[in-house]
């Protein structure tokens, strides 16, 4: 078992296949399925890839394929840009008349 009952997990489910998408959606959207990813607490022990039921924070029951245990955000705002740091210091000096040592 990879995941135990009550573990925080994320599940994936295909809501609509591409052929079932509404006719009014843009062409590029019609070419891909409508998918959902939902986080919640696992209701029974399971392995990655298993079809499972979870309970969300709001108490909703959702079925989907188990993707990950203890998911977390992996995005960030990129690398530090030194020029932007200088802009911030210059703005402070212009607006408030002071620098770092004031």
Protein backbone atom coordinates (compact mmCIF):
# COMPACT_ATOMS: atom_id res chain seq x y z
CA UNK A 1 0.00 0.00 0.00
CA UNK A 2 1.32 3.41 -0.98
CA UNK A 3 -1.47 5.44 0.63
CA UNK A 4 -3.30 4.80 3.88
CA UNK A 5 -6.81 5.71 4.90
CA UNK A 6 -7.05 9.42 5.85
CA UNK A 7 -3.87 10.39 3.96
CA UNK A 8 -4.09 13.76 2.17
CA UNK A 9 -4.07 12.92 -1.55
CA UNK A 10 -4.89 14.24 -4.99
CA UNK A 11 -7.05 12.36 -7.48
CA UNK A 12 -7.57 12.83 -11.21
CA UNK A 13 -10.65 12.22 -13.29
CA UNK A 14 -11.68 12.85 -16.90
CA UNK A 15 -15.00 14.68 -16.73
CA UNK A 16 -15.65 14.84 -20.49
CA UNK A 17 -13.81 13.20 -23.38
CA UNK A 18 -12.81 15.54 -26.19
CA UNK A 19 -15.61 14.20 -28.42
CA UNK A 20 -18.18 15.11 -25.75
CA UNK A 21 -17.14 18.76 -25.33
CA UNK A 22 -19.74 21.46 -26.01
CA UNK A 23 -19.82 22.65 -29.64
CA UNK A 24 -19.38 26.32 -28.68
CA UNK A 25 -15.99 25.89 -26.99
CA UNK A 26 -12.92 27.02 -28.99
CA UNK A 27 -11.43 24.49 -31.42
CA UNK A 28 -8.19 24.06 -29.44
CA UNK A 29 -10.24 23.36 -26.30
CA UNK A 30 -12.39 20.78 -28.09
CA UNK A 31 -9.28 18.75 -28.90
CA UNK A 32 -8.54 17.86 -25.26
CA UNK A 33 -10.65 16.22 -22.55
CA UNK A 34 -12.05 18.19 -19.63
CA UNK A 35 -10.10 16.97 -16.60
CA UNK A 36 -10.30 17.59 -12.85
CA UNK A 37 -7.85 17.18 -10.02
CA UNK A 38 -9.23 17.21 -6.48
CA UNK A 39 -7.48 17.05 -3.10
CA UNK A 40 -8.94 15.32 -0.09
CA UNK A 41 -8.62 12.59 2.52
CA UNK A 42 -8.43 9.02 1.27
CA UNK A 43 -11.32 6.82 2.45
CA UNK A 44 -9.52 3.44 2.10
CA UNK A 45 -5.93 2.21 1.68
CA UNK A 46 -4.84 2.25 -1.98
CA UNK A 47 -1.98 2.31 -4.45
CA UNK A 48 -1.08 5.05 -6.92
CA UNK A 49 -3.29 4.65 -10.02
CA UNK A 50 -6.15 2.95 -8.18
CA UNK A 51 -9.69 4.27 -8.53
CA UNK A 52 -10.45 5.64 -5.06
CA UNK A 53 -12.93 7.70 -3.12
CA UNK A 54 -11.83 10.76 -1.17
CA UNK A 55 -13.56 13.19 1.14
CA UNK A 56 -12.71 16.83 0.49
CA UNK A 57 -12.25 19.47 3.18
CA UNK A 58 -15.85 20.54 2.57
CA UNK A 59 -17.13 16.97 3.08
CA UNK A 60 -17.80 16.21 -0.60
CA UNK A 61 -17.19 12.62 -1.76
CA UNK A 62 -15.21 12.41 -5.03
CA UNK A 63 -14.00 9.42 -7.05
CA UNK A 64 -10.86 9.49 -9.15
CA UNK A 65 -7.53 7.83 -9.87
CA UNK A 66 -5.03 8.28 -7.06
CA UNK A 67 -2.20 10.49 -8.34
CA UNK A 68 -0.12 11.56 -5.34
CA UNK A 69 0.06 11.36 -1.55
CA UNK A 70 0.66 14.60 0.37
CA UNK A 71 0.56 16.83 -2.74
CA UNK A 72 2.11 20.29 -2.58
CA UNK A 73 2.53 23.29 -4.84
CA UNK A 74 5.67 23.20 -6.97
CA UNK A 75 5.37 26.51 -8.81
CA UNK A 76 7.34 29.62 -7.92
CA UNK A 77 7.89 33.14 -9.23
CA UNK A 78 11.19 32.41 -10.94
CA UNK A 79 14.77 33.32 -10.17
CA UNK A 80 15.85 36.49 -8.42
CA UNK A 81 16.31 39.43 -10.79
CA UNK A 82 18.90 41.82 -9.24
CA UNK A 83 17.69 44.74 -11.36
CA UNK A 84 14.26 44.51 -9.74
CA UNK A 85 15.84 44.73 -6.29
CA UNK A 86 17.53 47.99 -7.32
CA UNK A 87 14.24 49.34 -8.69
CA UNK A 88 12.61 48.68 -5.33
CA UNK A 89 15.36 50.56 -3.50
CA UNK A 90 15.16 53.46 -5.94
CA UNK A 91 11.38 53.64 -5.57
CA UNK A 92 11.71 53.77 -1.79
CA UNK A 93 14.20 56.62 -2.04
CA UNK A 94 11.99 58.57 -4.48
CA UNK A 95 8.78 58.04 -2.50
CA UNK A 96 10.05 58.31 1.03
CA UNK A 97 13.40 60.09 0.72
CA UNK A 98 15.38 57.31 2.34
CA UNK A 99 17.60 54.40 1.49
CA UNK A 100 18.54 51.18 3.27
CA UNK A 101 20.26 52.85 6.20
CA UNK A 102 17.50 55.30 7.09
